[in-house]
Amino acid sequence: MRLVLVGPPGAGKGTQAQFLAAHYGVPHISTGDIFRANLKENTSLGQEAKTFMDSGQLVPDAVTNAMVKDRLTWEDAANGFLLDGFPRNVAQAEVLRAILAEKRTPLDAVLELSIPNELIIGRLSSRRTCRGCGLPATPDASLCASCGGELYQREDDKAEVIAKRLDVYEEQTAPIIHFYRTEGLLITIDADGEIHEITERATTALSRVKA
């Protein structure tokens, strides 16, 4: 299975990516992990990315594209992969299509996790994080269940910040939904509900795709 996972912040992409990658026996490839690995190993691409990051600039698409292209050559991705966080825009989607065309291994599907903005804002703004161990807590908790530490609300979990993040998603990333719909690859599922319910919807929808 060669799969791209898309959806707004707070839709549960990271959680579903882990379950789906395990289900299909393919690596979960996130752009965050790719960046951290290149920086840690001090690769030439990592060094190039660091020069932009150190000067407070966004890492250009060309560098991100090169990192993803390299990652897809690893042995564990030979029989499939799940991409999370890439592509983020139509230009990157076109680059990914070209990369896979060279390998003659096109995408099987693009899975969109769809959820109304008001539910995302409610979900994320109710999150609390432990100051001690950094683990998330349930909205009704007063102390961390793991270490007993103090709970706080992260800046990026405040309602006004979440609304801005959703605006950025709509402007920059949502156009790839249309791109993949016209490619005939888009599968959309409802991402509201319990984790296991969403996973079941995803695997049921993807069962109709030839891996």
N, C-alpha and C. Protein backbone atom coordinates (compact mmCIF):
# COMPACT_ATOMS: atom_id res chain seq x y z
N MET A 1 0.84 -1.19 0.00
CA MET A 1 0.00 0.00 0.00
C MET A 1 0.88 1.24 0.00
N ARG A 2 0.66 2.11 -0.99
CA ARG A 2 1.36 3.41 -1.04
C ARG A 2 0.29 4.47 -0.81
N LEU A 3 0.38 5.10 0.36
CA LEU A 3 -0.72 5.92 0.86
C LEU A 3 -0.23 7.27 1.35
N VAL A 4 -1.02 8.32 1.05
CA VAL A 4 -0.80 9.65 1.62
C VAL A 4 -1.97 9.95 2.54
N LEU A 5 -1.66 10.48 3.72
CA LEU A 5 -2.68 10.83 4.70
C LEU A 5 -2.77 12.35 4.80
N VAL A 6 -3.96 12.90 4.62
CA VAL A 6 -4.15 14.35 4.68
C VAL A 6 -5.31 14.68 5.61
N GLY A 7 -5.29 15.92 6.08
CA GLY A 7 -6.35 16.39 6.96
C GLY A 7 -5.85 17.55 7.79
N PRO A 8 -6.75 18.32 8.36
CA PRO A 8 -6.36 19.51 9.13
C PRO A 8 -5.69 19.15 10.44
N PRO A 9 -4.99 20.10 11.07
CA PRO A 9 -4.42 19.85 12.39
C PRO A 9 -5.54 19.48 13.37
N GLY A 10 -5.29 18.45 14.17
CA GLY A 10 -6.30 18.02 15.12
C GLY A 10 -7.23 16.95 14.62
N ALA A 11 -7.03 16.52 13.35
CA ALA A 11 -7.90 15.49 12.78
C ALA A 11 -7.50 14.10 13.23
N GLY A 12 -6.34 13.96 13.86
CA GLY A 12 -5.89 12.66 14.33
C GLY A 12 -5.00 11.91 13.36
N LYS A 13 -4.32 12.65 12.48
CA LYS A 13 -3.49 12.00 11.46
C LYS A 13 -2.37 11.16 12.08
N GLY A 14 -1.69 11.71 13.08
CA GLY A 14 -0.57 10.99 13.68
C GLY A 14 -1.00 9.67 14.29
N THR A 15 -2.12 9.69 15.00
CA THR A 15 -2.63 8.47 15.64
C THR A 15 -3.04 7.44 14.60
N GLN A 16 -3.81 7.88 13.61
CA GLN A 16 -4.28 6.94 12.58
C GLN A 16 -3.12 6.44 11.72
N ALA A 17 -2.12 7.27 11.50
CA ALA A 17 -0.96 6.86 10.70
C ALA A 17 -0.26 5.67 11.35
N GLN A 18 -0.13 5.70 12.67
CA GLN A 18 0.53 4.59 13.37
C GLN A 18 -0.26 3.29 13.20
N PHE A 19 -1.57 3.36 13.38
CA PHE A 19 -2.40 2.16 13.26
C PHE A 19 -2.41 1.63 11.83
N LEU A 20 -2.54 2.52 10.86
CA LEU A 20 -2.64 2.10 9.46
C LEU A 20 -1.31 1.55 8.95
N ALA A 21 -0.20 2.17 9.36
CA ALA A 21 1.11 1.68 8.95
C ALA A 21 1.34 0.27 9.48
N ALA A 22 0.94 0.04 10.72
CA ALA A 22 1.08 -1.30 11.30
C ALA A 22 0.15 -2.29 10.60
N HIS A 23 -1.06 -1.84 10.28
CA HIS A 23 -2.04 -2.72 9.63
C HIS A 23 -1.55 -3.20 8.27
N TYR A 24 -0.94 -2.29 7.51
CA TYR A 24 -0.49 -2.65 6.16
C TYR A 24 0.97 -3.09 6.10
N GLY A 25 1.66 -3.02 7.24
CA GLY A 25 3.05 -3.46 7.26
C GLY A 25 3.98 -2.58 6.46
N VAL A 26 3.72 -1.26 6.48
CA VAL A 26 4.55 -0.31 5.74
C VAL A 26 5.07 0.75 6.72
N PRO A 27 6.17 1.44 6.38
CA PRO A 27 6.69 2.46 7.29
C PRO A 27 5.82 3.71 7.31
N HIS A 28 5.69 4.28 8.50
CA HIS A 28 5.02 5.57 8.66
C HIS A 28 6.10 6.64 8.46
N ILE A 29 6.01 7.38 7.37
CA ILE A 29 7.03 8.37 7.03
C ILE A 29 6.45 9.76 7.23
N SER A 30 6.94 10.46 8.25
CA SER A 30 6.48 11.84 8.49
C SER A 30 7.62 12.79 8.18
N THR A 31 7.27 13.97 7.69
CA THR A 31 8.30 14.95 7.34
C THR A 31 9.08 15.37 8.58
N GLY A 32 8.41 15.42 9.72
CA GLY A 32 9.11 15.78 10.96
C GLY A 32 10.22 14.79 11.28
N ASP A 33 9.91 13.51 11.15
CA ASP A 33 10.92 12.47 11.42
C ASP A 33 12.07 12.55 10.42
N ILE A 34 11.74 12.83 9.15
CA ILE A 34 12.76 12.92 8.12
C ILE A 34 13.72 14.08 8.42
N PHE A 35 13.16 15.22 8.80
CA PHE A 35 13.99 16.38 9.12
C PHE A 35 14.89 16.08 10.30
N ARG A 36 14.31 15.52 11.36
CA ARG A 36 15.10 15.23 12.56
C ARG A 36 16.23 14.25 12.26
N ALA A 37 15.94 13.23 11.44
CA ALA A 37 16.96 12.24 11.11
C ALA A 37 18.10 12.87 10.32
N ASN A 38 17.77 13.72 9.35
CA ASN A 38 18.81 14.36 8.54
C ASN A 38 19.65 15.33 9.36
N LEU A 39 19.01 16.04 10.29
CA LEU A 39 19.74 16.96 11.15
C LEU A 39 20.64 16.19 12.12
N LYS A 40 20.10 15.12 12.70
CA LYS A 40 20.87 14.34 13.66
C LYS A 40 22.08 13.68 13.01
N GLU A 41 21.88 13.15 11.80
CA GLU A 41 22.96 12.46 11.10
C GLU A 41 23.86 13.42 10.32
N ASN A 42 23.51 14.71 10.35
CA ASN A 42 24.31 15.75 9.70
C ASN A 42 24.54 15.44 8.22
N THR A 43 23.49 15.00 7.54
CA THR A 43 23.59 14.72 6.12
C THR A 43 23.74 16.04 5.35
N SER A 44 24.08 15.94 4.08
CA SER A 44 24.22 17.16 3.28
C SER A 44 22.88 17.90 3.20
N LEU A 45 21.77 17.13 3.09
CA LEU A 45 20.45 17.77 3.07
C LEU A 45 20.13 18.39 4.43
N GLY A 46 20.53 17.71 5.50
CA GLY A 46 20.33 18.25 6.83
C GLY A 46 21.09 19.54 7.04
N GLN A 47 22.32 19.59 6.56
CA GLN A 47 23.13 20.80 6.66
C GLN A 47 22.49 21.95 5.88
N GLU A 48 21.96 21.62 4.69
CA GLU A 48 21.33 22.64 3.87
C GLU A 48 20.08 23.18 4.56
N ALA A 49 19.28 22.26 5.12
CA ALA A 49 18.07 22.69 5.83
C ALA A 49 18.42 23.55 7.04
N LYS A 50 19.50 23.19 7.74
CA LYS A 50 19.90 23.90 8.95
C LYS A 50 20.28 25.35 8.66
N THR A 51 20.88 25.60 7.50
CA THR A 51 21.27 26.97 7.17
C THR A 51 20.03 27.87 7.08
N PHE A 52 18.94 27.33 6.55
CA PHE A 52 17.71 28.11 6.47
C PHE A 52 17.07 28.25 7.85
N MET A 53 17.04 27.16 8.60
CA MET A 53 16.42 27.18 9.91
C MET A 53 17.16 28.12 10.87
N ASP A 54 18.48 28.11 10.80
CA ASP A 54 19.28 28.96 11.69
C ASP A 54 19.08 30.44 11.41
N SER A 55 18.71 30.76 10.16
CA SER A 55 18.50 32.16 9.80
C SER A 55 17.03 32.55 9.91
N GLY A 56 16.21 31.63 10.45
CA GLY A 56 14.80 31.92 10.67
C GLY A 56 13.95 31.83 9.43
N GLN A 57 14.46 31.20 8.38
CA GLN A 57 13.72 31.06 7.13
C GLN A 57 13.06 29.69 7.03
N LEU A 58 12.00 29.62 6.23
CA LEU A 58 11.37 28.33 5.96
C LEU A 58 12.29 27.50 5.05
N VAL A 59 12.34 26.21 5.30
CA VAL A 59 13.12 25.32 4.45
C VAL A 59 12.42 25.22 3.10
N PRO A 60 13.11 25.51 2.00
CA PRO A 60 12.47 25.48 0.68
C PRO A 60 11.92 24.10 0.32
N ASP A 61 10.89 24.10 -0.52
CA ASP A 61 10.31 22.84 -0.98
C ASP A 61 11.35 21.93 -1.60
N ALA A 62 12.32 22.51 -2.32
CA ALA A 62 13.31 21.69 -3.01
C ALA A 62 14.08 20.80 -2.04
N VAL A 63 14.39 21.33 -0.86
CA VAL A 63 15.13 20.55 0.14
C VAL A 63 14.23 19.47 0.73
N THR A 64 12.99 19.85 1.07
CA THR A 64 12.04 18.87 1.61
C THR A 64 11.78 17.76 0.59
N ASN A 65 11.58 18.14 -0.67
CA ASN A 65 11.34 17.16 -1.72
C ASN A 65 12.49 16.17 -1.83
N ALA A 66 13.72 16.69 -1.76
CA ALA A 66 14.90 15.83 -1.87
C ALA A 66 14.98 14.86 -0.70
N MET A 67 14.63 15.32 0.49
CA MET A 67 14.64 14.45 1.67
C MET A 67 13.63 13.32 1.52
N VAL A 68 12.43 13.67 1.05
CA VAL A 68 11.39 12.65 0.86
C VAL A 68 11.80 11.66 -0.22
N LYS A 69 12.33 12.17 -1.31
CA LYS A 69 12.77 11.29 -2.40
C LYS A 69 13.81 10.29 -1.91
N ASP A 70 14.77 10.78 -1.11
CA ASP A 70 15.79 9.89 -0.55
C ASP A 70 15.16 8.86 0.38
N ARG A 71 14.22 9.29 1.23
CA ARG A 71 13.60 8.36 2.19
C ARG A 71 12.85 7.24 1.49
N LEU A 72 12.25 7.56 0.34
CA LEU A 72 11.47 6.54 -0.37
C LEU A 72 12.35 5.49 -1.06
N THR A 73 13.66 5.72 -1.06
CA THR A 73 14.57 4.72 -1.63
C THR A 73 15.00 3.68 -0.59
N TRP A 74 14.67 3.91 0.67
CA TRP A 74 15.08 2.96 1.73
C TRP A 74 14.38 1.63 1.51
N GLU A 75 15.04 0.57 1.96
CA GLU A 75 14.55 -0.79 1.75
C GLU A 75 13.17 -1.01 2.36
N ASP A 76 12.91 -0.40 3.53
CA ASP A 76 11.63 -0.66 4.20
C ASP A 76 10.45 -0.09 3.43
N ALA A 77 10.70 0.83 2.48
CA ALA A 77 9.62 1.43 1.70
C ALA A 77 9.45 0.76 0.34
N ALA A 78 10.17 -0.32 0.11
CA ALA A 78 10.12 -0.98 -1.20
C ALA A 78 8.73 -1.49 -1.54
N ASN A 79 7.99 -1.94 -0.53
CA ASN A 79 6.67 -2.53 -0.78
C ASN A 79 5.52 -1.62 -0.37
N GLY A 80 5.83 -0.37 -0.07
CA GLY A 80 4.79 0.57 0.30
C GLY A 80 5.22 1.51 1.40
N PHE A 81 4.36 2.49 1.67
CA PHE A 81 4.67 3.49 2.69
C PHE A 81 3.39 4.25 3.02
N LEU A 82 3.44 4.96 4.13
CA LEU A 82 2.36 5.89 4.48
C LEU A 82 3.01 7.24 4.73
N LEU A 83 2.71 8.21 3.88
CA LEU A 83 3.27 9.55 4.00
C LEU A 83 2.34 10.43 4.84
N ASP A 84 2.92 11.08 5.84
CA ASP A 84 2.16 11.93 6.76
C ASP A 84 2.88 13.28 6.84
N GLY A 85 2.20 14.34 6.37
CA GLY A 85 2.82 15.66 6.39
C GLY A 85 3.44 16.06 5.07
N PHE A 86 3.37 15.20 4.10
CA PHE A 86 3.86 15.48 2.75
C PHE A 86 2.99 14.71 1.77
N PRO A 87 2.54 15.38 0.71
CA PRO A 87 2.79 16.77 0.34
C PRO A 87 1.91 17.76 1.11
N ARG A 88 2.41 18.99 1.24
CA ARG A 88 1.66 20.05 1.92
C ARG A 88 1.02 21.03 0.94
N ASN A 89 1.40 20.95 -0.31
CA ASN A 89 0.83 21.85 -1.31
C ASN A 89 0.84 21.15 -2.67
N VAL A 90 0.21 21.77 -3.65
CA VAL A 90 0.06 21.14 -4.96
C VAL A 90 1.42 20.95 -5.63
N ALA A 91 2.32 21.91 -5.45
CA ALA A 91 3.65 21.78 -6.05
C ALA A 91 4.35 20.53 -5.54
N GLN A 92 4.26 20.28 -4.24
CA GLN A 92 4.87 19.08 -3.67
C GLN A 92 4.15 17.83 -4.16
N ALA A 93 2.83 17.90 -4.32
CA ALA A 93 2.08 16.75 -4.83
C ALA A 93 2.53 16.39 -6.24
N GLU A 94 2.80 17.40 -7.05
CA GLU A 94 3.27 17.15 -8.41
C GLU A 94 4.67 16.54 -8.40
N VAL A 95 5.51 16.99 -7.48
CA VAL A 95 6.86 16.41 -7.35
C VAL A 95 6.76 14.95 -6.92
N LEU A 96 5.90 14.66 -5.95
CA LEU A 96 5.74 13.28 -5.50
C LEU A 96 5.26 12.39 -6.65
N ARG A 97 4.33 12.88 -7.44
CA ARG A 97 3.84 12.12 -8.59
C ARG A 97 4.98 11.79 -9.54
N ALA A 98 5.86 12.77 -9.77
CA ALA A 98 7.00 12.56 -10.67
C ALA A 98 7.99 11.56 -10.08
N ILE A 99 8.25 11.66 -8.77
CA ILE A 99 9.17 10.73 -8.10
C ILE A 99 8.68 9.29 -8.26
N LEU A 100 7.39 9.10 -8.00
CA LEU A 100 6.82 7.75 -8.05
C LEU A 100 6.69 7.25 -9.49
N ALA A 101 6.49 8.18 -10.43
CA ALA A 101 6.42 7.79 -11.85
C ALA A 101 7.77 7.24 -12.30
N GLU A 102 8.85 7.84 -11.83
CA GLU A 102 10.20 7.35 -12.16
C GLU A 102 10.38 5.91 -11.69
N LYS A 103 9.81 5.62 -10.52
CA LYS A 103 9.93 4.28 -9.93
C LYS A 103 8.86 3.32 -10.44
N ARG A 104 7.90 3.86 -11.21
CA ARG A 104 6.75 3.09 -11.69
C ARG A 104 5.97 2.47 -10.53
N THR A 105 5.85 3.26 -9.47
CA THR A 105 5.12 2.82 -8.28
C THR A 105 4.17 3.94 -7.85
N PRO A 106 3.07 4.15 -8.58
CA PRO A 106 2.16 5.25 -8.26
C PRO A 106 1.44 5.04 -6.93
N LEU A 107 0.88 6.12 -6.42
CA LEU A 107 0.09 6.05 -5.20
C LEU A 107 -1.11 5.13 -5.40
N ASP A 108 -1.47 4.42 -4.32
CA ASP A 108 -2.70 3.63 -4.33
C ASP A 108 -3.90 4.47 -3.92
N ALA A 109 -3.68 5.38 -2.96
CA ALA A 109 -4.80 6.19 -2.47
C ALA A 109 -4.28 7.36 -1.64
N VAL A 110 -5.15 8.35 -1.51
CA VAL A 110 -4.93 9.48 -0.60
C VAL A 110 -6.12 9.50 0.34
N LEU A 111 -5.86 9.31 1.62
CA LEU A 111 -6.92 9.23 2.62
C LEU A 111 -7.07 10.57 3.32
N GLU A 112 -8.25 11.17 3.18
CA GLU A 112 -8.52 12.44 3.84
C GLU A 112 -9.33 12.20 5.11
N LEU A 113 -8.83 12.70 6.23
CA LEU A 113 -9.57 12.67 7.49
C LEU A 113 -10.34 13.98 7.59
N SER A 114 -11.65 13.90 7.48
CA SER A 114 -12.49 15.09 7.44
C SER A 114 -13.21 15.29 8.77
N ILE A 115 -13.14 16.51 9.28
CA ILE A 115 -13.80 16.83 10.54
C ILE A 115 -14.10 18.32 10.57
N PRO A 116 -15.28 18.74 11.04
CA PRO A 116 -15.62 20.17 11.07
C PRO A 116 -14.66 20.98 11.95
N ASN A 117 -14.40 22.22 11.55
CA ASN A 117 -13.47 23.07 12.29
C ASN A 117 -13.88 23.26 13.75
N GLU A 118 -15.19 23.39 13.99
CA GLU A 118 -15.62 23.64 15.37
C GLU A 118 -15.29 22.46 16.29
N LEU A 119 -15.33 21.24 15.74
CA LEU A 119 -14.96 20.08 16.54
C LEU A 119 -13.46 20.04 16.80
N ILE A 120 -12.68 20.45 15.80
CA ILE A 120 -11.22 20.49 15.98
C ILE A 120 -10.86 21.50 17.06
N ILE A 121 -11.44 22.69 16.98
CA ILE A 121 -11.14 23.72 17.98
C ILE A 121 -11.53 23.26 19.37
N GLY A 122 -12.70 22.63 19.48
CA GLY A 122 -13.12 22.10 20.78
C GLY A 122 -12.20 21.02 21.28
N ARG A 123 -11.78 20.13 20.39
CA ARG A 123 -10.91 19.01 20.76
C ARG A 123 -9.54 19.50 21.22
N LEU A 124 -8.92 20.36 20.43
CA LEU A 124 -7.56 20.80 20.74
C LEU A 124 -7.51 21.79 21.89
N SER A 125 -8.51 22.68 21.96
CA SER A 125 -8.47 23.70 23.02
C SER A 125 -8.75 23.10 24.39
N SER A 126 -9.27 21.88 24.43
CA SER A 126 -9.51 21.22 25.72
C SER A 126 -8.31 20.39 26.18
N ARG A 127 -7.30 20.29 25.32
CA ARG A 127 -6.13 19.48 25.68
C ARG A 127 -5.30 20.15 26.76
N ARG A 128 -4.76 19.35 27.64
CA ARG A 128 -3.82 19.82 28.64
C ARG A 128 -2.59 18.91 28.61
N THR A 129 -1.44 19.50 28.90
CA THR A 129 -0.17 18.78 28.83
C THR A 129 0.54 18.88 30.16
N CYS A 130 1.25 17.84 30.54
CA CYS A 130 1.98 17.82 31.81
C CYS A 130 3.28 18.62 31.67
N ARG A 131 3.52 19.53 32.64
CA ARG A 131 4.77 20.29 32.61
C ARG A 131 5.97 19.41 32.93
N GLY A 132 5.74 18.34 33.66
CA GLY A 132 6.84 17.48 34.07
C GLY A 132 7.30 16.52 33.00
N CYS A 133 6.37 15.66 32.52
CA CYS A 133 6.77 14.61 31.57
C CYS A 133 6.33 14.89 30.14
N GLY A 134 5.49 15.93 29.94
CA GLY A 134 5.09 16.29 28.59
C GLY A 134 3.98 15.46 28.01
N LEU A 135 3.42 14.52 28.77
CA LEU A 135 2.35 13.68 28.25
C LEU A 135 1.01 14.43 28.26
N PRO A 136 0.13 14.11 27.31
CA PRO A 136 -1.18 14.76 27.29
C PRO A 136 -2.07 14.19 28.40
N ALA A 137 -3.05 14.97 28.81
CA ALA A 137 -3.98 14.54 29.85
C ALA A 137 -5.40 14.72 29.35
N THR A 138 -6.34 14.05 29.99
CA THR A 138 -7.75 14.20 29.64
C THR A 138 -8.24 15.57 30.13
N PRO A 139 -9.25 16.14 29.47
CA PRO A 139 -9.71 17.48 29.83
C PRO A 139 -10.16 17.62 31.28
N ASP A 140 -10.68 16.53 31.88
CA ASP A 140 -11.20 16.63 33.24
C ASP A 140 -10.15 16.35 34.31
N ALA A 141 -8.91 16.05 33.90
CA ALA A 141 -7.86 15.73 34.88
C ALA A 141 -7.33 17.01 35.53
N SER A 142 -6.94 16.90 36.80
CA SER A 142 -6.36 18.04 37.50
C SER A 142 -4.85 17.90 37.64
N LEU A 143 -4.36 16.64 37.59
CA LEU A 143 -2.93 16.36 37.65
C LEU A 143 -2.60 15.28 36.63
N CYS A 144 -1.34 15.18 36.25
CA CYS A 144 -0.91 14.17 35.29
C CYS A 144 -1.08 12.77 35.88
N ALA A 145 -1.74 11.89 35.14
CA ALA A 145 -1.97 10.53 35.61
C ALA A 145 -0.68 9.72 35.65
N SER A 146 0.33 10.16 34.90
CA SER A 146 1.59 9.41 34.81
C SER A 146 2.55 9.77 35.93
N CYS A 147 2.76 11.10 36.15
CA CYS A 147 3.77 11.50 37.14
C CYS A 147 3.23 12.41 38.23
N GLY A 148 1.95 12.79 38.13
CA GLY A 148 1.36 13.67 39.13
C GLY A 148 1.73 15.13 38.94
N GLY A 149 2.32 15.45 37.77
CA GLY A 149 2.76 16.81 37.51
C GLY A 149 1.64 17.78 37.20
N GLU A 150 1.99 19.07 37.21
CA GLU A 150 1.03 20.13 36.92
C GLU A 150 0.66 20.12 35.44
N LEU A 151 -0.60 20.38 35.15
CA LEU A 151 -1.08 20.43 33.78
C LEU A 151 -1.21 21.88 33.32
N TYR A 152 -0.96 22.10 32.01
CA TYR A 152 -1.10 23.44 31.46
C TYR A 152 -1.58 23.35 30.01
N GLN A 153 -2.02 24.48 29.49
CA GLN A 153 -2.47 24.55 28.10
C GLN A 153 -1.36 25.15 27.24
N ARG A 154 -0.91 24.40 26.24
CA ARG A 154 0.13 24.88 25.34
C ARG A 154 -0.40 26.06 24.52
N GLU A 155 0.51 26.95 24.14
CA GLU A 155 0.12 28.13 23.35
C GLU A 155 -0.60 27.73 22.06
N ASP A 156 -0.08 26.65 21.41
CA ASP A 156 -0.69 26.27 20.13
C ASP A 156 -1.97 25.47 20.30
N ASP A 157 -2.42 25.28 21.55
CA ASP A 157 -3.71 24.65 21.80
C ASP A 157 -4.79 25.66 22.19
N LYS A 158 -4.45 26.94 22.14
CA LYS A 158 -5.45 27.96 22.45
C LYS A 158 -6.34 28.19 21.23
N ALA A 159 -7.61 28.47 21.47
CA ALA A 159 -8.61 28.52 20.40
C ALA A 159 -8.21 29.47 19.28
N GLU A 160 -7.71 30.66 19.64
CA GLU A 160 -7.38 31.65 18.60
C GLU A 160 -6.19 31.18 17.74
N VAL A 161 -5.25 30.47 18.37
CA VAL A 161 -4.09 29.95 17.62
C VAL A 161 -4.54 28.82 16.70
N ILE A 162 -5.40 27.96 17.21
CA ILE A 162 -5.92 26.84 16.41
C ILE A 162 -6.66 27.36 15.18
N ALA A 163 -7.47 28.41 15.37
CA ALA A 163 -8.22 28.99 14.25
C ALA A 163 -7.27 29.49 13.17
N LYS A 164 -6.15 30.09 13.57
CA LYS A 164 -5.16 30.57 12.59
C LYS A 164 -4.51 29.40 11.88
N ARG A 165 -4.22 28.32 12.60
CA ARG A 165 -3.62 27.14 11.99
C ARG A 165 -4.57 26.53 10.96
N LEU A 166 -5.85 26.54 11.26
CA LEU A 166 -6.83 26.02 10.32
C LEU A 166 -6.94 26.90 9.07
N ASP A 167 -6.80 28.22 9.26
CA ASP A 167 -6.80 29.13 8.11
C ASP A 167 -5.61 28.84 7.20
N VAL A 168 -4.45 28.60 7.80
CA VAL A 168 -3.25 28.28 7.02
C VAL A 168 -3.45 26.97 6.26
N TYR A 169 -4.06 26.00 6.93
CA TYR A 169 -4.32 24.72 6.27
C TYR A 169 -5.22 24.91 5.06
N GLU A 170 -6.29 25.67 5.23
CA GLU A 170 -7.23 25.90 4.14
C GLU A 170 -6.55 26.58 2.95
N GLU A 171 -5.67 27.52 3.28
CA GLU A 171 -5.01 28.29 2.22
C GLU A 171 -3.94 27.47 1.49
N GLN A 172 -3.12 26.73 2.24
CA GLN A 172 -1.95 26.10 1.66
C GLN A 172 -2.14 24.62 1.32
N THR A 173 -2.83 23.88 2.19
CA THR A 173 -2.87 22.44 2.05
C THR A 173 -4.16 21.92 1.45
N ALA A 174 -5.29 22.52 1.77
CA ALA A 174 -6.57 22.03 1.26
C ALA A 174 -6.62 21.92 -0.26
N PRO A 175 -5.93 22.77 -1.04
CA PRO A 175 -5.97 22.62 -2.50
C PRO A 175 -5.49 21.25 -2.99
N ILE A 176 -4.69 20.55 -2.20
CA ILE A 176 -4.26 19.22 -2.66
C ILE A 176 -5.42 18.22 -2.62
N ILE A 177 -6.46 18.55 -1.82
CA ILE A 177 -7.65 17.70 -1.81
C ILE A 177 -8.26 17.69 -3.21
N HIS A 178 -8.39 18.87 -3.79
CA HIS A 178 -8.93 18.97 -5.15
C HIS A 178 -8.00 18.28 -6.15
N PHE A 179 -6.70 18.48 -5.97
CA PHE A 179 -5.71 17.87 -6.87
C PHE A 179 -5.88 16.35 -6.90
N TYR A 180 -5.95 15.73 -5.72
CA TYR A 180 -6.03 14.28 -5.66
C TYR A 180 -7.43 13.76 -6.02
N ARG A 181 -8.44 14.60 -5.83
CA ARG A 181 -9.79 14.21 -6.29
C ARG A 181 -9.80 14.08 -7.81
N THR A 182 -9.19 15.04 -8.50
CA THR A 182 -9.15 15.00 -9.96
C THR A 182 -8.26 13.86 -10.46
N GLU A 183 -7.31 13.42 -9.61
CA GLU A 183 -6.46 12.29 -9.97
C GLU A 183 -7.17 10.96 -9.74
N GLY A 184 -8.33 11.02 -9.09
CA GLY A 184 -9.08 9.79 -8.81
C GLY A 184 -8.52 8.99 -7.66
N LEU A 185 -7.75 9.63 -6.79
CA LEU A 185 -7.08 8.92 -5.70
C LEU A 185 -7.69 9.19 -4.33
N LEU A 186 -8.54 10.21 -4.23
CA LEU A 186 -9.01 10.67 -2.93
C LEU A 186 -10.09 9.77 -2.33
N ILE A 187 -9.89 9.41 -1.07
CA ILE A 187 -10.89 8.70 -0.28
C ILE A 187 -11.09 9.52 0.99
N THR A 188 -12.33 9.94 1.26
CA THR A 188 -12.61 10.78 2.43
C THR A 188 -13.42 10.00 3.45
N ILE A 189 -12.97 10.08 4.71
CA ILE A 189 -13.73 9.44 5.79
C ILE A 189 -14.00 10.46 6.89
N ASP A 190 -15.03 10.19 7.67
CA ASP A 190 -15.38 11.02 8.82
C ASP A 190 -14.39 10.72 9.94
N ALA A 191 -13.69 11.77 10.43
CA ALA A 191 -12.68 11.59 11.48
C ALA A 191 -13.20 11.95 12.86
N ASP A 192 -14.53 12.03 13.01
CA ASP A 192 -15.11 12.29 14.31
C ASP A 192 -15.53 10.96 14.94
N GLY A 193 -15.12 10.72 16.17
CA GLY A 193 -15.48 9.48 16.85
C GLY A 193 -14.31 8.90 17.62
N GLU A 194 -14.50 7.69 18.12
CA GLU A 194 -13.44 7.01 18.85
C GLU A 194 -12.35 6.57 17.87
N ILE A 195 -11.13 6.44 18.40
CA ILE A 195 -9.98 6.09 17.56
C ILE A 195 -10.22 4.81 16.78
N HIS A 196 -10.73 3.78 17.47
CA HIS A 196 -10.92 2.49 16.79
C HIS A 196 -12.00 2.57 15.72
N GLU A 197 -12.99 3.45 15.93
CA GLU A 197 -14.05 3.62 14.93
C GLU A 197 -13.49 4.24 13.65
N ILE A 198 -12.62 5.24 13.83
CA ILE A 198 -12.03 5.92 12.67
C ILE A 198 -11.10 4.97 11.92
N THR A 199 -10.33 4.18 12.66
CA THR A 199 -9.43 3.20 12.03
C THR A 199 -10.24 2.20 11.21
N GLU A 200 -11.37 1.75 11.76
CA GLU A 200 -12.21 0.79 11.04
C GLU A 200 -12.78 1.41 9.77
N ARG A 201 -13.20 2.68 9.85
CA ARG A 201 -13.70 3.35 8.65
C ARG A 201 -12.60 3.42 7.58
N ALA A 202 -11.39 3.73 8.04
CA ALA A 202 -10.26 3.88 7.11
C ALA A 202 -9.95 2.55 6.42
N THR A 203 -9.81 1.48 7.20
CA THR A 203 -9.44 0.19 6.59
C THR A 203 -10.56 -0.34 5.71
N THR A 204 -11.80 -0.07 6.09
CA THR A 204 -12.93 -0.50 5.25
C THR A 204 -12.91 0.23 3.90
N ALA A 205 -12.67 1.54 3.95
CA ALA A 205 -12.63 2.33 2.73
C ALA A 205 -11.44 1.93 1.86
N LEU A 206 -10.30 1.67 2.49
CA LEU A 206 -9.10 1.31 1.75
C LEU A 206 -9.10 -0.13 1.25
N SER A 207 -10.00 -0.95 1.81
CA SER A 207 -10.06 -2.36 1.38
C SER A 207 -10.50 -2.48 -0.08
N ARG A 208 -11.12 -1.39 -0.58
CA ARG A 208 -11.56 -1.41 -1.98
C ARG A 208 -10.44 -0.97 -2.94
N VAL A 209 -9.29 -0.61 -2.35
CA VAL A 209 -8.14 -0.18 -3.16
C VAL A 209 -7.21 -1.37 -3.36
N LYS A 210 -6.76 -1.59 -4.56
CA LYS A 210 -5.81 -2.66 -4.83
C LYS A 210 -4.43 -2.22 -4.41
N ALA A 211 -3.86 -2.90 -3.40
CA ALA A 211 -2.56 -2.54 -2.89
C ALA A 211 -1.46 -3.09 -3.79
